Every structure is written in structure tokens, then in C-alpha cells.
Amino acid sequence: MSKSIQMWLDEYGESHQNKVNKRIHWVCVPIIFWTAMAFVFAIPTPAAFFEVSMHLNWATICAVLITIFYARLSLSLSVGMIVFTALCYFSITAFDSAFPGYLVIFSAVLFIIAWAVQFYGHEVEGKKPSFFKDVQYLMIGPAWLMSFTYKKIGLKY
């Protein structure tokens, strides 16, 4: 039996009850998502991709796969994740254009700091990060935050 989105979110939420840890996640999860996408964006793109579209690269291919992951759990929630992923993608392309050659080092620094702070949050929480149980929780973290955004504005997921 596959888990529903609510089951995933509830299980993820079990190790994210402490206010400090939650606040940390609101900052660090989006940063980690952005940096992971930036790392993938930085992978050299075959010239044949550009013949199809200037936006066809490894990051957009991963974005499609990410969208499929979320869509199979919740079509509604996947819309919010598509918007967030697109914002990440276009801010990455803007950063790369503004500061050519610095995307990977900038992302690496942010990635390391964000993970260090995340682990601190889990130390405060007293519980291990969920992805130690199942690596798919790395994808549930952003959806967990998006679910709170949906609740706040009255959307169902």
C-alpha cells in the first residue's frame, strides 16, 4: 500500500514538533531545495538540449521528475511545488547570469550551513531527521512546508 500525502506529512511532522526546529525548517528546507537544484543546474548541459529549448537542462529535467513525485501524492500540492520550483529555477538562472562562475561555491556554502543548522534543529528537537528512516522524506520536507501555506490561505491539498 502506498502512503497518502497526509500520511507522509503526518509522519514527517512527528519529528518536527519543537518551535525552534520548525522555524529552522522554514528557512533551511527552501535553501537546501534551492542549492540542490543549483547543483543540478550547474551540471554541463549537452548542446543538443539547447537545440530543443534554452531552458532544457538537467535542472528542468529533475524539476519534471520532482513534479511527477508530488503529483502522484497530491495534484493540488504539486501546483504549489511547481510554482516554488519555478521560482527557484529562475532565481538560479538570474544568479548564474549575475555572478558567472560562482553558483556552485555559493550553493555549497549555503548547503553546508543550512544542513548544519537543520541538524542543530533536530538536536534541539531530540529526534533524528526523517530522511534517516526513508530518503523520500527529503522530498516531503518542502511539501510539508507547502501544506502549511495551503492551510493558511484556505486551500486543500
Protein backbone atom coordinates (compact mmCIF):
# COMPACT_ATOMS: atom_id res chain seq x y z
CA MET A 1 0.00 0.00 0.00
CA SER A 2 1.36 3.39 -0.90
CA LYS A 3 1.15 6.24 1.57
CA SER A 4 -1.21 9.14 1.09
CA ILE A 5 0.17 12.67 1.20
CA GLN A 6 -1.40 13.12 4.63
CA MET A 7 0.36 10.00 5.93
CA TRP A 8 3.70 11.31 4.64
CA LEU A 9 3.10 14.76 6.15
CA ASP A 10 1.95 13.37 9.49
CA GLU A 11 4.97 11.06 9.78
CA TYR A 12 7.30 13.90 8.82
CA GLY A 13 5.62 16.16 11.35
CA GLU A 14 6.29 13.68 14.18
CA SER A 15 9.95 14.70 14.24
CA HIS A 16 9.19 18.38 13.74
CA GLN A 17 7.20 19.45 16.81
CA ASN A 18 9.65 21.82 18.51
CA LYS A 19 9.09 25.51 17.65
CA VAL A 20 12.81 26.16 17.15
CA ASN A 21 13.17 23.18 14.83
CA LYS A 22 10.08 24.24 12.86
CA ARG A 23 11.42 27.77 12.40
CA ILE A 24 14.76 26.40 11.29
CA HIS A 25 12.99 24.22 8.73
CA TRP A 26 11.06 27.19 7.34
CA VAL A 27 14.39 28.80 6.46
CA CYS A 28 16.66 25.85 5.74
CA VAL A 29 14.42 23.50 3.75
CA PRO A 30 13.84 26.03 0.94
CA ILE A 31 17.56 26.89 0.94
CA ILE A 32 18.52 23.22 0.67
CA PHE A 33 15.98 22.71 -2.13
CA TRP A 34 17.39 25.75 -3.96
CA THR A 35 21.00 24.66 -3.54
CA ALA A 36 20.27 21.09 -4.66
CA MET A 37 18.59 22.47 -7.75
CA ALA A 38 21.54 24.83 -8.32
CA PHE A 39 23.99 21.91 -8.16
CA VAL A 40 21.98 20.06 -10.80
CA PHE A 41 21.70 23.24 -12.90
CA ALA A 42 25.50 23.52 -12.84
CA ILE A 43 25.99 20.11 -14.48
CA PRO A 44 27.14 20.76 -18.05
CA THR A 45 24.26 20.53 -20.49
CA PRO A 46 24.63 18.71 -23.81
CA ALA A 47 24.42 21.06 -26.80
CA ALA A 48 21.52 19.00 -28.17
CA PHE A 49 19.39 20.16 -25.23
CA PHE A 50 19.77 23.79 -26.29
CA GLU A 51 18.51 22.92 -29.76
CA VAL A 52 15.21 21.95 -28.12
CA SER A 53 14.99 24.87 -25.65
CA MET A 54 17.32 27.26 -23.88
CA HIS A 55 15.70 26.05 -20.64
CA LEU A 56 16.19 22.35 -21.27
CA ASN A 57 18.91 21.24 -18.87
CA TRP A 58 19.43 18.74 -16.08
CA ALA A 59 17.67 21.01 -13.57
CA THR A 60 14.49 21.27 -15.64
CA ILE A 61 14.52 17.52 -16.25
CA CYS A 62 14.80 17.00 -12.48
CA ALA A 63 12.02 19.55 -11.97
CA VAL A 64 9.73 17.45 -14.16
CA LEU A 65 10.60 14.32 -12.16
CA ILE A 66 10.01 16.23 -8.90
CA THR A 67 6.64 17.37 -10.22
CA ILE A 68 5.67 13.78 -11.02
CA PHE A 69 6.66 12.74 -7.49
CA TYR A 70 4.43 15.42 -5.96
CA ALA A 71 1.58 14.97 -8.46
CA ARG A 72 1.21 11.29 -7.63
CA LEU A 73 0.73 12.31 -3.97
CA SER A 74 -1.42 15.42 -4.43
CA LEU A 75 -2.27 17.27 -7.64
CA SER A 76 -3.21 20.36 -5.66
CA LEU A 77 0.01 20.41 -3.63
CA SER A 78 2.05 19.77 -6.77
CA VAL A 79 0.82 23.09 -8.20
CA GLY A 80 2.35 24.97 -5.27
CA MET A 81 5.54 22.95 -5.62
CA ILE A 82 5.68 23.73 -9.34
CA VAL A 83 5.46 27.45 -8.54
CA PHE A 84 8.14 27.15 -5.86
CA THR A 85 10.39 25.06 -8.14
CA ALA A 86 9.97 27.60 -10.96
CA LEU A 87 10.89 30.45 -8.59
CA CYS A 88 13.98 28.51 -7.56
CA TYR A 89 14.91 27.78 -11.17
CA PHE A 90 14.56 31.36 -12.37
CA SER A 91 16.40 32.78 -9.35
CA ILE A 92 19.20 30.27 -10.03
CA THR A 93 19.44 31.36 -13.66
CA ALA A 94 19.43 35.01 -12.55
CA PHE A 95 22.18 34.35 -10.00
CA ASP A 96 24.24 32.45 -12.57
CA SER A 97 23.89 35.32 -15.06
CA ALA A 98 24.73 37.98 -12.49
CA PHE A 99 27.66 36.11 -10.93
CA PRO A 100 29.04 33.74 -13.56
CA GLY A 101 31.26 31.04 -12.11
CA TYR A 102 30.09 31.47 -8.52
CA LEU A 103 26.90 29.39 -8.44
CA VAL A 104 28.46 26.15 -7.23
CA ILE A 105 30.63 27.67 -4.49
CA PHE A 106 27.79 29.90 -3.28
CA SER A 107 25.42 26.92 -3.26
CA ALA A 108 27.95 24.70 -1.48
CA VAL A 109 28.42 27.23 1.31
CA LEU A 110 24.66 27.69 1.72
CA PHE A 111 24.07 23.93 1.55
CA ILE A 112 26.59 23.17 4.29
CA ILE A 113 25.35 25.95 6.56
CA ALA A 114 21.68 25.01 6.05
CA TRP A 115 22.33 21.34 6.82
CA ALA A 116 24.37 22.21 9.90
CA VAL A 117 21.52 24.36 11.17
CA GLN A 118 18.98 21.63 10.30
CA PHE A 119 20.95 19.10 12.35
CA TYR A 120 21.08 21.59 15.20
CA GLY A 121 17.28 21.88 14.97
CA HIS A 122 16.94 18.13 15.24
CA GLU A 123 19.31 18.13 18.20
CA VAL A 124 17.00 20.65 19.89
CA GLU A 125 14.01 18.51 18.86
CA GLY A 126 15.65 15.38 20.23
CA LYS A 127 14.72 13.35 17.17
CA LYS A 128 16.64 12.24 14.11
CA PRO A 129 15.81 13.75 10.73
CA SER A 130 13.06 11.82 8.95
CA PHE A 131 15.21 11.01 5.93
CA PHE A 132 17.24 8.64 8.10
CA LYS A 133 14.09 6.47 8.07
CA ASP A 134 13.30 6.94 4.37
CA VAL A 135 15.21 9.08 1.86
CA GLN A 136 11.90 10.15 0.27
CA TYR A 137 11.41 12.45 3.26
CA LEU A 138 13.94 14.76 1.61
CA MET A 139 11.14 15.47 -0.87
CA ILE A 140 8.42 15.58 1.79
CA GLY A 141 10.06 18.43 3.73
CA PRO A 142 9.24 21.07 1.10
CA ALA A 143 5.73 19.64 0.68
CA TRP A 144 5.25 19.74 4.46
CA LEU A 145 6.00 23.46 4.44
CA MET A 146 3.77 23.96 1.40
CA SER A 147 0.92 22.19 3.22
CA PHE A 148 1.10 24.82 5.98
CA THR A 149 1.00 27.55 3.35
CA TYR A 150 -2.06 25.91 1.79
CA LYS A 151 -3.80 25.70 5.18
CA LYS A 152 -3.01 29.36 5.89
CA ILE A 153 -4.65 30.53 2.65
CA GLY A 154 -7.51 28.02 2.86
CA LEU A 155 -6.53 25.63 0.06
CA LYS A 156 -6.98 21.87 0.30
CA TYR A 157 -4.20 19.52 -0.66
